[in-house]
Amino acid sequence: MKKICAHIVTGCMRLLALLPLEVHYALGACLAWLMRCVVRYRRKVVETNLLHSFPDKGPEERNDILKGFYRHFGEIIAEAVWFGGTRSKERLRRRHLCEFAGLDEHRKDLEGTKGVMYLTSHCGNWEIFGGWFQYAPEGALPYREDEVIAVYKRLSSDVWEDVMAGNRFWPMAGFGGYVESRSVLRFTLEHRDRKAFLFNTDQYPYKGAQGHEVDFLHQRTLAMTGGAAIACKMGLAAVYVGFENISKGHYRMRFTTIARDASQLSPGEIMDRYYALLQKDIEAQPWNYLWSHKRWKNLYDYKR
């Protein structure tokens, strides 16, 4: 039954994707308003996160960020539906949703390395990562599609798990596959031929997982060290992925090398540098982040 529901949802997304992206943005704007003003989707969580992350800003400034976040969230949903349903590489390339900055320098940074652990975040639109080989010029990335592995945290809904798994990386015909974050260490040890791992790193750590504490946006933040620890153990390069929103419908990704050989650093040192880079990006574009995430549930009771 779950598989049938997933197929129905995927079919609906493909039908919707026949519409121009501008139509999706219009629908996304309506959805954003409903989430912010009517349903008030996780509004208390957003307000709490913004209050403590920007203590130097007044209520009006934080409210402007809140509005910008919901508007951007609506765009993320619109882009995710269009991206996942379009299933046309040519159409995706024509739309030019995303571009890379500094690819030549990035290739040089990775020369002679064993592989790379990309430490990503919830800036920009993480749902369109699967278009990497369409956004970049042919041959510009220093690895093949089948060498790329996406590390993920399983969704609570089996239906949406199936839907999103099929949508996120459809443009990569030879995609190396997914691995659940709890199993990634064993996977990397057994598949040393894989060269690139995408690891969403700014999530709240699993219960009972060994973490690292960082000062992030003026708060004591528990950091998930899985990606950094694997990079250290395997001697991979550790690279921060910045995801800037240039304008509606256009993003720019850039790579910042934290370490060419992560074994020369501790996981904690890598996480300190990662969160410093992430904070800088968030402060530059405060609305371009997933503020509805219960990121600091170790500090705040979001139900109050």
C-alpha atoms as a PDB file:
ATOM      1  CA  MET A   1       0.000   0.000   0.000  1.00  0.00           C
ATOM      2  CA  LYS A   2       2.846   2.381   0.839  1.00  0.00           C
ATOM      3  CA  LYS A   3       4.472   1.725  -2.529  1.00  0.00           C
ATOM      4  CA  ILE A   4       1.179   2.425  -4.308  1.00  0.00           C
ATOM      5  CA  CYS A   5       0.789   5.724  -2.434  1.00  0.00           C
ATOM      6  CA  ALA A   6       4.370   6.673  -3.322  1.00  0.00           C
ATOM      7  CA  HIS A   7       3.704   5.946  -7.013  1.00  0.00           C
ATOM      8  CA  ILE A   8       0.526   8.061  -6.916  1.00  0.00           C
ATOM      9  CA  VAL A   9       2.356  11.014  -5.319  1.00  0.00           C
ATOM     10  CA  THR A  10       5.233  10.702  -7.800  1.00  0.00           C
ATOM     11  CA  GLY A  11       2.769  10.574 -10.714  1.00  0.00           C
ATOM     12  CA  CYS A  12       1.037  13.733  -9.482  1.00  0.00           C
ATOM     13  CA  MET A  13       4.386  15.507  -9.185  1.00  0.00           C
ATOM     14  CA  ARG A  14       5.269  14.561 -12.750  1.00  0.00           C
ATOM     15  CA  LEU A  15       1.979  15.961 -13.999  1.00  0.00           C
ATOM     16  CA  LEU A  16       2.513  19.194 -12.051  1.00  0.00           C
ATOM     17  CA  ALA A  17       6.051  19.450 -13.420  1.00  0.00           C
ATOM     18  CA  LEU A  18       4.568  19.870 -16.910  1.00  0.00           C
ATOM     19  CA  LEU A  19       3.600  23.376 -15.813  1.00  0.00           C
ATOM     20  CA  PRO A  20       6.185  26.180 -16.103  1.00  0.00           C
ATOM     21  CA  LEU A  21       8.267  26.785 -12.994  1.00  0.00           C
ATOM     22  CA  GLU A  22       6.715  30.271 -12.722  1.00  0.00           C
ATOM     23  CA  VAL A  23       3.343  28.624 -12.047  1.00  0.00           C
ATOM     24  CA  HIS A  24       4.955  26.555  -9.303  1.00  0.00           C
ATOM     25  CA  TYR A  25       6.385  29.726  -7.766  1.00  0.00           C
ATOM     26  CA  ALA A  26       2.932  31.325  -7.734  1.00  0.00           C
ATOM     27  CA  LEU A  27       1.499  28.271  -5.996  1.00  0.00           C
ATOM     28  CA  GLY A  28       4.494  28.225  -3.646  1.00  0.00           C
ATOM     29  CA  ALA A  29       3.862  31.858  -2.691  1.00  0.00           C
ATOM     30  CA  CYS A  30       0.257  31.001  -1.777  1.00  0.00           C
ATOM     31  CA  LEU A  31       1.436  28.015   0.220  1.00  0.00           C
ATOM     32  CA  ALA A  32       4.022  30.162   2.012  1.00  0.00           C
ATOM     33  CA  TRP A  33       1.349  32.645   3.064  1.00  0.00           C
ATOM     34  CA  LEU A  34      -0.881  29.847   4.331  1.00  0.00           C
ATOM     35  CA  MET A  35       1.978  28.302   6.316  1.00  0.00           C
ATOM     36  CA  ARG A  36       2.961  31.638   7.836  1.00  0.00           C
ATOM     37  CA  CYS A  37      -0.398  33.278   8.516  1.00  0.00           C
ATOM     38  CA  VAL A  38      -3.111  30.591   8.569  1.00  0.00           C
ATOM     39  CA  VAL A  39      -1.685  27.188   9.477  1.00  0.00           C
ATOM     40  CA  ARG A  40       1.264  28.871  11.247  1.00  0.00           C
ATOM     41  CA  TYR A  41       3.435  25.885  10.384  1.00  0.00           C
ATOM     42  CA  ARG A  42       6.122  25.628  13.065  1.00  0.00           C
ATOM     43  CA  ARG A  43       5.928  29.371  13.531  1.00  0.00           C
ATOM     44  CA  LYS A  44       6.806  29.110  17.220  1.00  0.00           C
ATOM     45  CA  VAL A  45       9.927  27.107  16.295  1.00  0.00           C
ATOM     46  CA  VAL A  46      10.958  29.723  13.719  1.00  0.00           C
ATOM     47  CA  GLU A  47      10.386  32.613  16.127  1.00  0.00           C
ATOM     48  CA  THR A  48      12.338  30.900  18.907  1.00  0.00           C
ATOM     49  CA  ASN A  49      15.277  30.102  16.631  1.00  0.00           C
ATOM     50  CA  LEU A  50      15.436  33.637  15.234  1.00  0.00           C
ATOM     51  CA  LEU A  51      15.153  35.247  18.681  1.00  0.00           C
ATOM     52  CA  HIS A  52      18.205  33.428  20.017  1.00  0.00           C
ATOM     53  CA  SER A  53      20.216  33.395  16.772  1.00  0.00           C
ATOM     54  CA  PHE A  54      19.965  37.160  16.254  1.00  0.00           C
ATOM     55  CA  PRO A  55      19.875  38.714  19.740  1.00  0.00           C
ATOM     56  CA  ASP A  56      21.175  42.007  18.314  1.00  0.00           C
ATOM     57  CA  LYS A  57      18.183  42.413  15.982  1.00  0.00           C
ATOM     58  CA  GLY A  58      14.909  43.983  16.989  1.00  0.00           C
ATOM     59  CA  PRO A  59      11.408  42.459  16.588  1.00  0.00           C
ATOM     60  CA  GLU A  60      10.805  44.137  13.217  1.00  0.00           C
ATOM     61  CA  GLU A  61      14.096  42.887  11.764  1.00  0.00           C
ATOM     62  CA  ARG A  62      13.414  39.347  12.984  1.00  0.00           C
ATOM     63  CA  ASN A  63       9.901  39.516  11.569  1.00  0.00           C
ATOM     64  CA  ASP A  64      11.329  40.511   8.187  1.00  0.00           C
ATOM     65  CA  ILE A  65      13.623  37.459   8.323  1.00  0.00           C
ATOM     66  CA  LEU A  66      10.638  35.292   9.287  1.00  0.00           C
ATOM     67  CA  LYS A  67       8.642  36.517   6.285  1.00  0.00           C
ATOM     68  CA  GLY A  68      11.637  35.982   4.033  1.00  0.00           C
ATOM     69  CA  PHE A  69      12.091  32.466   5.364  1.00  0.00           C
ATOM     70  CA  TYR A  70       8.500  31.412   4.650  1.00  0.00           C
ATOM     71  CA  ARG A  71       8.666  32.978   1.188  1.00  0.00           C
ATOM     72  CA  HIS A  72      11.881  31.067   0.509  1.00  0.00           C
ATOM     73  CA  PHE A  73      10.370  27.877   1.965  1.00  0.00           C
ATOM     74  CA  GLY A  74       7.525  28.156  -0.524  1.00  0.00           C
ATOM     75  CA  GLU A  75      10.091  28.497  -3.318  1.00  0.00           C
ATOM     76  CA  ILE A  76      11.969  25.428  -2.060  1.00  0.00           C
ATOM     77  CA  ILE A  77       8.765  23.366  -2.271  1.00  0.00           C
ATOM     78  CA  ALA A  78       7.947  24.747  -5.729  1.00  0.00           C
ATOM     79  CA  GLU A  79      11.446  23.950  -7.009  1.00  0.00           C
ATOM     80  CA  ALA A  80      11.473  20.500  -5.415  1.00  0.00           C
ATOM     81  CA  VAL A  81       8.198  19.520  -7.097  1.00  0.00           C
ATOM     82  CA  TRP A  82       9.271  20.908 -10.482  1.00  0.00           C
ATOM     83  CA  PHE A  83      12.774  19.427 -10.212  1.00  0.00           C
ATOM     84  CA  GLY A  84      11.614  15.989  -9.082  1.00  0.00           C
ATOM     85  CA  GLY A  85       8.823  15.741 -11.616  1.00  0.00           C
ATOM     86  CA  THR A  86      10.381  17.224 -14.733  1.00  0.00           C
ATOM     87  CA  ARG A  87      12.596  14.192 -15.633  1.00  0.00           C
ATOM     88  CA  SER A  88      14.145  16.070 -18.547  1.00  0.00           C
ATOM     89  CA  LYS A  89      17.857  16.830 -18.322  1.00  0.00           C
ATOM     90  CA  GLU A  90      17.631  19.269 -21.215  1.00  0.00           C
ATOM     91  CA  ARG A  91      14.772  21.154 -19.557  1.00  0.00           C
ATOM     92  CA  LEU A  92      16.755  21.249 -16.306  1.00  0.00           C
ATOM     93  CA  ARG A  93      19.840  22.646 -18.062  1.00  0.00           C
ATOM     94  CA  ARG A  94      17.789  25.303 -19.857  1.00  0.00           C
ATOM     95  CA  ARG A  95      16.266  26.486 -16.586  1.00  0.00           C
ATOM     96  CA  HIS A  96      19.737  27.017 -15.073  1.00  0.00           C
ATOM     97  CA  LEU A  97      18.554  26.650 -11.491  1.00  0.00           C
ATOM     98  CA  CYS A  98      22.063  26.478 -10.129  1.00  0.00           C
ATOM     99  CA  GLU A  99      25.691  27.170 -10.982  1.00  0.00           C
ATOM    100  CA  PHE A 100      29.046  26.379  -9.392  1.00  0.00           C
ATOM    101  CA  ALA A 101      31.668  28.926  -8.443  1.00  0.00           C
ATOM    102  CA  GLY A 102      35.403  28.193  -8.510  1.00  0.00           C
ATOM    103  CA  LEU A 103      35.318  24.714 -10.031  1.00  0.00           C
ATOM    104  CA  ASP A 104      38.855  24.961 -11.420  1.00  0.00           C
ATOM    105  CA  GLU A 105      40.266  25.772  -8.001  1.00  0.00           C
ATOM    106  CA  HIS A 106      38.185  22.990  -6.474  1.00  0.00           C
ATOM    107  CA  ARG A 107      39.558  20.420  -8.915  1.00  0.00           C
ATOM    108  CA  LYS A 108      43.107  21.488  -8.057  1.00  0.00           C
ATOM    109  CA  ASP A 109      42.361  21.218  -4.341  1.00  0.00           C
ATOM    110  CA  LEU A 110      41.235  17.608  -4.789  1.00  0.00           C
ATOM    111  CA  GLU A 111      44.201  16.489  -6.906  1.00  0.00           C
ATOM    112  CA  GLY A 112      45.933  13.571  -5.215  1.00  0.00           C
ATOM    113  CA  THR A 113      43.281  13.115  -2.526  1.00  0.00           C
ATOM    114  CA  LYS A 114      41.635   9.774  -1.712  1.00  0.00           C
ATOM    115  CA  GLY A 115      38.157  11.210  -2.116  1.00  0.00           C
ATOM    116  CA  VAL A 116      35.996  13.966  -0.715  1.00  0.00           C
ATOM    117  CA  MET A 117      33.407  14.334   2.036  1.00  0.00           C
ATOM    118  CA  TYR A 118      31.110  17.226   1.117  1.00  0.00           C
ATOM    119  CA  LEU A 119      29.640  18.734   4.271  1.00  0.00           C
ATOM    120  CA  THR A 120      26.352  20.310   3.197  1.00  0.00           C
ATOM    121  CA  SER A 121      23.679  22.208   5.112  1.00  0.00           C
ATOM    122  CA  HIS A 122      20.089  23.441   4.975  1.00  0.00           C
ATOM    123  CA  CYS A 123      21.006  26.663   3.203  1.00  0.00           C
ATOM    124  CA  GLY A 124      19.712  27.163  -0.328  1.00  0.00           C
ATOM    125  CA  ASN A 125      17.653  24.267  -1.674  1.00  0.00           C
ATOM    126  CA  TRP A 126      19.084  20.897  -0.680  1.00  0.00           C
ATOM    127  CA  GLU A 127      16.323  19.111  -2.613  1.00  0.00           C
ATOM    128  CA  ILE A 128      17.959  19.936  -5.955  1.00  0.00           C
ATOM    129  CA  PHE A 129      21.442  18.569  -5.191  1.00  0.00           C
ATOM    130  CA  GLY A 130      20.853  15.762  -7.685  1.00  0.00           C
ATOM    131  CA  GLY A 131      21.398  18.111 -10.608  1.00  0.00           C
ATOM    132  CA  TRP A 132      25.128  18.514  -9.950  1.00  0.00           C
ATOM    133  CA  PHE A 133      26.230  17.013 -13.256  1.00  0.00           C
ATOM    134  CA  GLN A 134      23.723  19.151 -15.157  1.00  0.00           C
ATOM    135  CA  TYR A 135      24.683  22.401 -13.419  1.00  0.00           C
ATOM    136  CA  ALA A 136      28.410  21.930 -14.024  1.00  0.00           C
ATOM    137  CA  PRO A 137      30.088  22.004 -17.466  1.00  0.00           C
ATOM    138  CA  GLU A 138      30.709  18.524 -18.831  1.00  0.00           C
ATOM    139  CA  GLY A 139      33.807  16.984 -17.277  1.00  0.00           C
ATOM    140  CA  ALA A 140      34.255  19.828 -14.786  1.00  0.00           C
ATOM    141  CA  LEU A 141      33.660  17.737 -11.665  1.00  0.00           C
ATOM    142  CA  PRO A 142      36.587  15.586 -10.484  1.00  0.00           C
ATOM    143  CA  TYR A 143      34.622  12.316 -10.265  1.00  0.00           C
ATOM    144  CA  ARG A 144      31.969  10.317 -12.104  1.00  0.00           C
ATOM    145  CA  GLU A 145      28.269  10.028 -11.282  1.00  0.00           C
ATOM    146  CA  ASP A 146      28.645   6.434 -10.106  1.00  0.00           C
ATOM    147  CA  GLU A 147      31.281   7.532  -7.580  1.00  0.00           C
ATOM    148  CA  VAL A 148      28.851   9.862  -5.754  1.00  0.00           C
ATOM    149  CA  ILE A 149      27.027   8.690  -2.626  1.00  0.00           C
ATOM    150  CA  ALA A 150      24.343  10.681  -0.799  1.00  0.00           C
ATOM    151  CA  VAL A 151      24.214  10.171   2.947  1.00  0.00           C
ATOM    152  CA  TYR A 152      20.755  10.808   4.390  1.00  0.00           C
ATOM    153  CA  LYS A 153      18.702  10.677   7.571  1.00  0.00           C
ATOM    154  CA  ARG A 154      15.640   8.539   6.974  1.00  0.00           C
ATOM    155  CA  LEU A 155      12.260  10.307   6.957  1.00  0.00           C
ATOM    156  CA  SER A 156       9.581   9.200   9.409  1.00  0.00           C
ATOM    157  CA  SER A 157       7.085   8.644   6.554  1.00  0.00           C
ATOM    158  CA  ASP A 158       7.803   5.602   4.385  1.00  0.00           C
ATOM    159  CA  VAL A 159       5.727   7.087   1.557  1.00  0.00           C
ATOM    160  CA  TRP A 160       7.679  10.353   1.441  1.00  0.00           C
ATOM    161  CA  GLU A 161      10.908   8.412   1.906  1.00  0.00           C
ATOM    162  CA  ASP A 162      10.224   6.547  -1.362  1.00  0.00           C
ATOM    163  CA  VAL A 163       9.039   9.679  -3.175  1.00  0.00           C
ATOM    164  CA  MET A 164      11.988  11.862  -2.238  1.00  0.00           C
ATOM    165  CA  ALA A 165      14.542   9.101  -2.790  1.00  0.00           C
ATOM    166  CA  GLY A 166      13.343   8.823  -6.384  1.00  0.00           C
ATOM    167  CA  ASN A 167      13.163  12.580  -6.937  1.00  0.00           C
ATOM    168  CA  ARG A 168      16.362  13.986  -5.475  1.00  0.00           C
ATOM    169  CA  PHE A 169      18.935  12.382  -7.760  1.00  0.00           C
ATOM    170  CA  TRP A 170      16.995  11.389 -10.875  1.00  0.00           C
ATOM    171  CA  PRO A 171      19.290  13.438 -13.240  1.00  0.00           C
ATOM    172  CA  MET A 172      22.269  11.289 -12.271  1.00  0.00           C
ATOM    173  CA  ALA A 173      21.675   8.168 -14.349  1.00  0.00           C
ATOM    174  CA  GLY A 174      24.714   6.424 -12.911  1.00  0.00           C
ATOM    175  CA  PHE A 175      24.184   7.719  -9.368  1.00  0.00           C
ATOM    176  CA  GLY A 176      26.131   5.664  -6.819  1.00  0.00           C
ATOM    177  CA  GLY A 177      23.164   5.522  -4.450  1.00  0.00           C
ATOM    178  CA  TYR A 178      22.013   6.412  -0.969  1.00  0.00           C
ATOM    179  CA  VAL A 179      23.300   5.227   2.370  1.00  0.00           C
ATOM    180  CA  GLU A 180      21.550   5.883   5.677  1.00  0.00           C
ATOM    181  CA  SER A 181      23.749   7.942   8.013  1.00  0.00           C
ATOM    182  CA  ARG A 182      23.776   5.247  10.699  1.00  0.00           C
ATOM    183  CA  SER A 183      25.359   2.819   8.202  1.00  0.00           C
ATOM    184  CA  VAL A 184      27.746   5.134   6.390  1.00  0.00           C
ATOM    185  CA  LEU A 185      30.951   4.113   8.204  1.00  0.00           C
ATOM    186  CA  ARG A 186      30.531   0.455   7.289  1.00  0.00           C
ATOM    187  CA  PHE A 187      29.624   1.452   3.749  1.00  0.00           C
ATOM    188  CA  THR A 188      32.717   3.606   3.230  1.00  0.00           C
ATOM    189  CA  LEU A 189      34.972   0.845   4.538  1.00  0.00           C
ATOM    190  CA  GLU A 190      33.398  -1.669   2.148  1.00  0.00           C
ATOM    191  CA  HIS A 191      33.246   0.675  -0.883  1.00  0.00           C
ATOM    192  CA  ARG A 192      36.554   2.479  -1.020  1.00  0.00           C
ATOM    193  CA  ASP A 193      36.080   3.038  -4.759  1.00  0.00           C
ATOM    194  CA  ARG A 194      33.459   5.731  -4.113  1.00  0.00           C
ATOM    195  CA  LYS A 195      35.058   9.152  -4.347  1.00  0.00           C
ATOM    196  CA  ALA A 196      32.428  11.691  -3.255  1.00  0.00           C
ATOM    197  CA  PHE A 197      30.041  11.665  -0.296  1.00  0.00           C
ATOM    198  CA  LEU A 198      27.307  14.262   0.272  1.00  0.00           C
ATOM    199  CA  PHE A 199      26.631  14.514   4.007  1.00  0.00           C
ATOM    200  CA  ASN A 200      24.029  16.942   5.374  1.00  0.00           C
ATOM    201  CA  THR A 201      25.873  17.980   8.496  1.00  0.00           C
ATOM    202  CA  ASP A 202      23.880  20.668  10.340  1.00  0.00           C
ATOM    203  CA  GLN A 203      21.151  18.408  11.720  1.00  0.00           C
ATOM    204  CA  TYR A 204      20.591  17.637  15.386  1.00  0.00           C
ATOM    205  CA  PRO A 205      22.606  14.516  16.339  1.00  0.00           C
ATOM    206  CA  TYR A 206      20.937  11.145  16.713  1.00  0.00           C
ATOM    207  CA  LYS A 207      19.902  10.283  20.244  1.00  0.00           C
ATOM    208  CA  GLY A 208      22.856   8.635  21.960  1.00  0.00           C
ATOM    209  CA  ALA A 209      25.285   9.593  19.188  1.00  0.00           C
ATOM    210  CA  GLN A 210      28.664  10.967  20.124  1.00  0.00           C
ATOM    211  CA  GLY A 211      28.657  14.633  19.220  1.00  0.00           C
ATOM    212  CA  HIS A 212      30.701  17.780  19.530  1.00  0.00           C
ATOM    213  CA  GLU A 213      29.645  21.099  21.020  1.00  0.00           C
ATOM    214  CA  VAL A 214      30.177  24.291  19.044  1.00  0.00           C
ATOM    215  CA  ASP A 215      29.284  27.957  19.465  1.00  0.00           C
ATOM    216  CA  PHE A 216      26.898  28.515  16.571  1.00  0.00           C
ATOM    217  CA  LEU A 217      24.770  31.634  16.181  1.00  0.00           C
ATOM    218  CA  HIS A 218      25.314  32.607  19.833  1.00  0.00           C
ATOM    219  CA  GLN A 219      24.103  29.255  21.129  1.00  0.00           C
ATOM    220  CA  ARG A 220      25.599  26.097  22.595  1.00  0.00           C
ATOM    221  CA  THR A 221      25.006  23.739  19.681  1.00  0.00           C
ATOM    222  CA  LEU A 222      25.381  19.979  19.540  1.00  0.00           C
ATOM    223  CA  ALA A 223      27.056  19.023  16.269  1.00  0.00           C
ATOM    224  CA  MET A 224      26.661  15.765  14.360  1.00  0.00           C
ATOM    225  CA  THR A 225      30.225  14.584  13.723  1.00  0.00           C
ATOM    226  CA  GLY A 226      29.528  11.539  11.517  1.00  0.00           C
ATOM    227  CA  GLY A 227      30.730  12.997   8.211  1.00  0.00           C
ATOM    228  CA  ALA A 228      33.785  14.630   9.761  1.00  0.00           C
ATOM    229  CA  ALA A 229      34.704  11.457  11.666  1.00  0.00           C
ATOM    230  CA  ILE A 230      34.530   9.328   8.510  1.00  0.00           C
ATOM    231  CA  ALA A 231      36.607  11.864   6.573  1.00  0.00           C
ATOM    232  CA  CYS A 232      39.230  11.724   9.352  1.00  0.00           C
ATOM    233  CA  LYS A 233      39.240   7.934   9.503  1.00  0.00           C
ATOM    234  CA  MET A 234      39.461   7.494   5.716  1.00  0.00           C
ATOM    235  CA  GLY A 235      41.811  10.415   5.058  1.00  0.00           C
ATOM    236  CA  LEU A 236      39.319  12.104   2.730  1.00  0.00           C
ATOM    237  CA  ALA A 237      39.234  15.766   1.878  1.00  0.00           C
ATOM    238  CA  ALA A 238      36.637  17.653   3.938  1.00  0.00           C
ATOM    239  CA  VAL A 239      34.841  20.353   1.953  1.00  0.00           C
ATOM    240  CA  TYR A 240      32.158  22.820   3.027  1.00  0.00           C
ATOM    241  CA  VAL A 241      29.418  23.461   0.444  1.00  0.00           C
ATOM    242  CA  GLY A 242      28.043  26.991   0.447  1.00  0.00           C
ATOM    243  CA  PHE A 243      24.624  27.428  -1.181  1.00  0.00           C
ATOM    244  CA  GLU A 244      23.826  31.036  -1.982  1.00  0.00           C
ATOM    245  CA  ASN A 245      20.452  32.203  -3.271  1.00  0.00           C
ATOM    246  CA  ILE A 246      21.259  34.728  -6.029  1.00  0.00           C
ATOM    247  CA  SER A 247      17.636  35.367  -6.994  1.00  0.00           C
ATOM    248  CA  LYS A 248      14.376  33.479  -7.223  1.00  0.00           C
ATOM    249  CA  GLY A 249      15.073  30.413  -9.318  1.00  0.00           C
ATOM    250  CA  HIS A 250      18.847  30.767  -9.255  1.00  0.00           C
ATOM    251  CA  TYR A 251      21.449  29.501  -6.795  1.00  0.00           C
ATOM    252  CA  ARG A 252      25.228  29.405  -6.648  1.00  0.00           C
ATOM    253  CA  MET A 253      27.209  26.662  -4.930  1.00  0.00           C
ATOM    254  CA  ARG A 254      30.806  27.124  -3.905  1.00  0.00           C
ATOM    255  CA  PHE A 255      33.322  24.824  -2.260  1.00  0.00           C
ATOM    256  CA  THR A 256      35.590  25.719   0.649  1.00  0.00           C
ATOM    257  CA  THR A 257      38.236  23.141   1.478  1.00  0.00           C
ATOM    258  CA  ILE A 258      38.471  22.618   5.235  1.00  0.00           C
ATOM    259  CA  ALA A 259      41.191  19.972   4.897  1.00  0.00           C
ATOM    260  CA  ARG A 260      42.764  18.139   1.953  1.00  0.00           C
ATOM    261  CA  ASP A 261      43.532  15.264   4.313  1.00  0.00           C
ATOM    262  CA  ALA A 262      41.038  15.238   7.165  1.00  0.00           C
ATOM    263  CA  SER A 263      43.124  12.717   9.105  1.00  0.00           C
ATOM    264  CA  GLN A 264      45.399  15.651   9.995  1.00  0.00           C
ATOM    265  CA  LEU A 265      42.561  17.193  12.033  1.00  0.00           C
ATOM    266  CA  SER A 266      40.124  15.947  14.655  1.00  0.00           C
ATOM    267  CA  PRO A 267      36.398  15.697  13.879  1.00  0.00           C
ATOM    268  CA  GLY A 268      35.836  18.487  16.398  1.00  0.00           C
ATOM    269  CA  GLU A 269      38.229  20.817  14.595  1.00  0.00           C
ATOM    270  CA  ILE A 270      36.490  20.120  11.293  1.00  0.00           C
ATOM    271  CA  MET A 271      33.088  20.838  12.833  1.00  0.00           C
ATOM    272  CA  ASP A 272      34.312  24.107  14.358  1.00  0.00           C
ATOM    273  CA  ARG A 273      35.440  25.273  10.922  1.00  0.00           C
ATOM    274  CA  TYR A 274      32.289  23.986   9.235  1.00  0.00           C
ATOM    275  CA  TYR A 275      29.976  25.873  11.593  1.00  0.00           C
ATOM    276  CA  ALA A 276      32.052  29.057  11.329  1.00  0.00           C
ATOM    277  CA  LEU A 277      31.589  28.960   7.539  1.00  0.00           C
ATOM    278  CA  LEU A 278      27.884  28.144   7.861  1.00  0.00           C
ATOM    279  CA  GLN A 279      27.310  30.994  10.303  1.00  0.00           C
ATOM    280  CA  LYS A 280      28.978  33.439   7.937  1.00  0.00           C
ATOM    281  CA  ASP A 281      26.649  32.350   5.124  1.00  0.00           C
ATOM    282  CA  ILE A 282      23.553  32.578   7.324  1.00  0.00           C
ATOM    283  CA  GLU A 283      24.455  36.051   8.540  1.00  0.00           C
ATOM    284  CA  ALA A 284      24.854  37.151   4.907  1.00  0.00           C
ATOM    285  CA  GLN A 285      21.406  35.758   3.942  1.00  0.00           C
ATOM    286  CA  PRO A 286      19.445  35.107   7.165  1.00  0.00           C
ATOM    287  CA  TRP A 287      16.261  33.977   5.391  1.00  0.00           C
ATOM    288  CA  ASN A 288      18.141  31.405   3.294  1.00  0.00           C
ATOM    289  CA  TYR A 289      18.139  28.728   6.019  1.00  0.00           C
ATOM    290  CA  LEU A 290      15.732  26.125   7.403  1.00  0.00           C
ATOM    291  CA  TRP A 291      14.568  27.916  10.548  1.00  0.00           C
ATOM    292  CA  SER A 292      11.655  25.512  11.064  1.00  0.00           C
ATOM    293  CA  HIS A 293      14.109  22.789  12.106  1.00  0.00           C
ATOM    294  CA  LYS A 294      14.154  22.117  15.877  1.00  0.00           C
ATOM    295  CA  ARG A 295      17.902  22.620  15.800  1.00  0.00           C
ATOM    296  CA  TRP A 296      18.360  23.560  19.464  1.00  0.00           C
ATOM    297  CA  LYS A 297      15.984  21.190  21.211  1.00  0.00           C
ATOM    298  CA  ASN A 298      18.755  20.606  23.738  1.00  0.00           C
ATOM    299  CA  LEU A 299      18.223  24.219  24.856  1.00  0.00           C
ATOM    300  CA  TYR A 300      14.580  25.160  24.244  1.00  0.00           C
ATOM    301  CA  ASP A 301      11.158  23.663  24.754  1.00  0.00           C
ATOM    302  CA  TYR A 302       9.622  24.443  21.370  1.00  0.00           C
ATOM    303  CA  LYS A 303       6.139  23.491  22.608  1.00  0.00           C
ATOM    304  CA  ARG A 304       5.834  26.476  24.898  1.00  0.00           C
END
